[in-house]
Amino acid sequence: MGFELLKPGSIIASLVFALLGVAVFWLCFVIVDKITPYNLSNEIVEKQNVALALVVAAMSLGISIIVAAAIHG
């Protein structure tokens, strides 16, 4: 059971799914950034808007869970 995960096919599939998940997450984040009426990075970093940072963090976790469930299932 321990060596099935070390096969080249399993490693390549894991890398492909990881890259696909990161790409989908990045795309969703860019879409949310474009939908909002202000620049997220400017509001969070320069204006130190903590409430917006928490909303973006929750959105990021939500998108991550959805992407992980879609890839795993």
C-alpha atoms as a PDB file:
ATOM      1  CA  MET A   1       0.000   0.000   0.000  1.00  0.00           C
ATOM      2  CA  GLY A   2       2.809   2.438   0.745  1.00  0.00           C
ATOM      3  CA  PHE A   3       4.519   2.390  -2.642  1.00  0.00           C
ATOM      4  CA  GLU A   4       1.509   3.038  -4.905  1.00  0.00           C
ATOM      5  CA  LEU A   5       1.810   6.758  -4.239  1.00  0.00           C
ATOM      6  CA  LEU A   6       5.431   6.782  -5.413  1.00  0.00           C
ATOM      7  CA  LYS A   7       4.613   5.643  -8.941  1.00  0.00           C
ATOM      8  CA  PRO A   8       5.407   8.237 -11.624  1.00  0.00           C
ATOM      9  CA  GLY A   9       1.788   8.329 -12.824  1.00  0.00           C
ATOM     10  CA  SER A  10       0.519   9.179  -9.352  1.00  0.00           C
ATOM     11  CA  ILE A  11       3.117  11.896  -8.859  1.00  0.00           C
ATOM     12  CA  ILE A  12       2.406  13.482 -12.262  1.00  0.00           C
ATOM     13  CA  ALA A  13      -1.354  13.356 -11.656  1.00  0.00           C
ATOM     14  CA  SER A  14      -0.914  15.008  -8.257  1.00  0.00           C
ATOM     15  CA  LEU A  15       1.196  17.783  -9.762  1.00  0.00           C
ATOM     16  CA  VAL A  16      -1.271  18.362 -12.606  1.00  0.00           C
ATOM     17  CA  PHE A  17      -4.236  18.541 -10.217  1.00  0.00           C
ATOM     18  CA  ALA A  18      -2.315  20.855  -7.866  1.00  0.00           C
ATOM     19  CA  LEU A  19      -1.450  23.222 -10.724  1.00  0.00           C
ATOM     20  CA  LEU A  20      -5.009  23.062 -12.027  1.00  0.00           C
ATOM     21  CA  GLY A  21      -6.364  23.883  -8.573  1.00  0.00           C
ATOM     22  CA  VAL A  22      -4.029  26.863  -8.179  1.00  0.00           C
ATOM     23  CA  ALA A  23      -4.953  28.131 -11.656  1.00  0.00           C
ATOM     24  CA  VAL A  24      -8.691  27.884 -10.953  1.00  0.00           C
ATOM     25  CA  PHE A  25      -8.241  29.592  -7.580  1.00  0.00           C
ATOM     26  CA  TRP A  26      -6.217  32.410  -9.160  1.00  0.00           C
ATOM     27  CA  LEU A  27      -8.813  32.872 -11.904  1.00  0.00           C
ATOM     28  CA  CYS A  28     -11.648  33.073  -9.359  1.00  0.00           C
ATOM     29  CA  PHE A  29      -9.690  35.556  -7.253  1.00  0.00           C
ATOM     30  CA  VAL A  30      -9.054  37.779 -10.286  1.00  0.00           C
ATOM     31  CA  ILE A  31     -12.757  37.670 -11.178  1.00  0.00           C
ATOM     32  CA  VAL A  32     -13.748  38.680  -7.633  1.00  0.00           C
ATOM     33  CA  ASP A  33     -11.128  41.457  -7.708  1.00  0.00           C
ATOM     34  CA  LYS A  34     -12.598  42.781 -10.975  1.00  0.00           C
ATOM     35  CA  ILE A  35     -16.191  42.583  -9.672  1.00  0.00           C
ATOM     36  CA  THR A  36     -15.487  44.655  -6.563  1.00  0.00           C
ATOM     37  CA  PRO A  37     -15.677  48.442  -7.025  1.00  0.00           C
ATOM     38  CA  TYR A  38     -12.243  49.032  -5.485  1.00  0.00           C
ATOM     39  CA  ASN A  39      -8.738  47.608  -5.717  1.00  0.00           C
ATOM     40  CA  LEU A  40      -8.464  44.825  -3.131  1.00  0.00           C
ATOM     41  CA  SER A  41      -4.689  44.982  -2.694  1.00  0.00           C
ATOM     42  CA  ASN A  42      -4.748  48.781  -2.316  1.00  0.00           C
ATOM     43  CA  GLU A  43      -7.511  48.628   0.286  1.00  0.00           C
ATOM     44  CA  ILE A  44      -5.905  45.820   2.286  1.00  0.00           C
ATOM     45  CA  VAL A  45      -2.218  46.777   2.120  1.00  0.00           C
ATOM     46  CA  GLU A  46      -2.159  50.563   1.948  1.00  0.00           C
ATOM     47  CA  LYS A  47      -5.382  51.490   3.758  1.00  0.00           C
ATOM     48  CA  GLN A  48      -5.134  48.469   6.116  1.00  0.00           C
ATOM     49  CA  ASN A  49      -8.809  47.580   5.827  1.00  0.00           C
ATOM     50  CA  VAL A  50      -8.987  44.613   8.213  1.00  0.00           C
ATOM     51  CA  ALA A  51     -12.672  43.914   7.579  1.00  0.00           C
ATOM     52  CA  LEU A  52     -12.056  43.577   3.839  1.00  0.00           C
ATOM     53  CA  ALA A  53      -9.035  41.373   4.518  1.00  0.00           C
ATOM     54  CA  LEU A  54     -11.247  39.005   6.529  1.00  0.00           C
ATOM     55  CA  VAL A  55     -13.838  38.919   3.745  1.00  0.00           C
ATOM     56  CA  VAL A  56     -11.126  38.130   1.175  1.00  0.00           C
ATOM     57  CA  ALA A  57      -9.697  35.441   3.467  1.00  0.00           C
ATOM     58  CA  ALA A  58     -13.126  33.813   3.831  1.00  0.00           C
ATOM     59  CA  MET A  59     -13.656  34.014   0.066  1.00  0.00           C
ATOM     60  CA  SER A  60     -10.253  32.432  -0.509  1.00  0.00           C
ATOM     61  CA  LEU A  61     -11.033  29.558   1.838  1.00  0.00           C
ATOM     62  CA  GLY A  62     -14.411  29.028   0.200  1.00  0.00           C
ATOM     63  CA  ILE A  63     -12.950  28.907  -3.296  1.00  0.00           C
ATOM     64  CA  SER A  64     -10.185  26.581  -2.089  1.00  0.00           C
ATOM     65  CA  ILE A  65     -12.675  24.156  -0.562  1.00  0.00           C
ATOM     66  CA  ILE A  66     -14.788  24.153  -3.724  1.00  0.00           C
ATOM     67  CA  VAL A  67     -11.745  23.536  -5.950  1.00  0.00           C
ATOM     68  CA  ALA A  68     -10.467  20.761  -3.668  1.00  0.00           C
ATOM     69  CA  ALA A  69     -13.873  19.067  -3.628  1.00  0.00           C
ATOM     70  CA  ALA A  70     -14.148  19.301  -7.408  1.00  0.00           C
ATOM     71  CA  ILE A  71     -10.706  17.808  -7.947  1.00  0.00           C
ATOM     72  CA  HIS A  72     -11.087  15.094  -5.305  1.00  0.00           C
ATOM     73  CA  GLY A  73     -14.586  14.046  -6.258  1.00  0.00           C
END
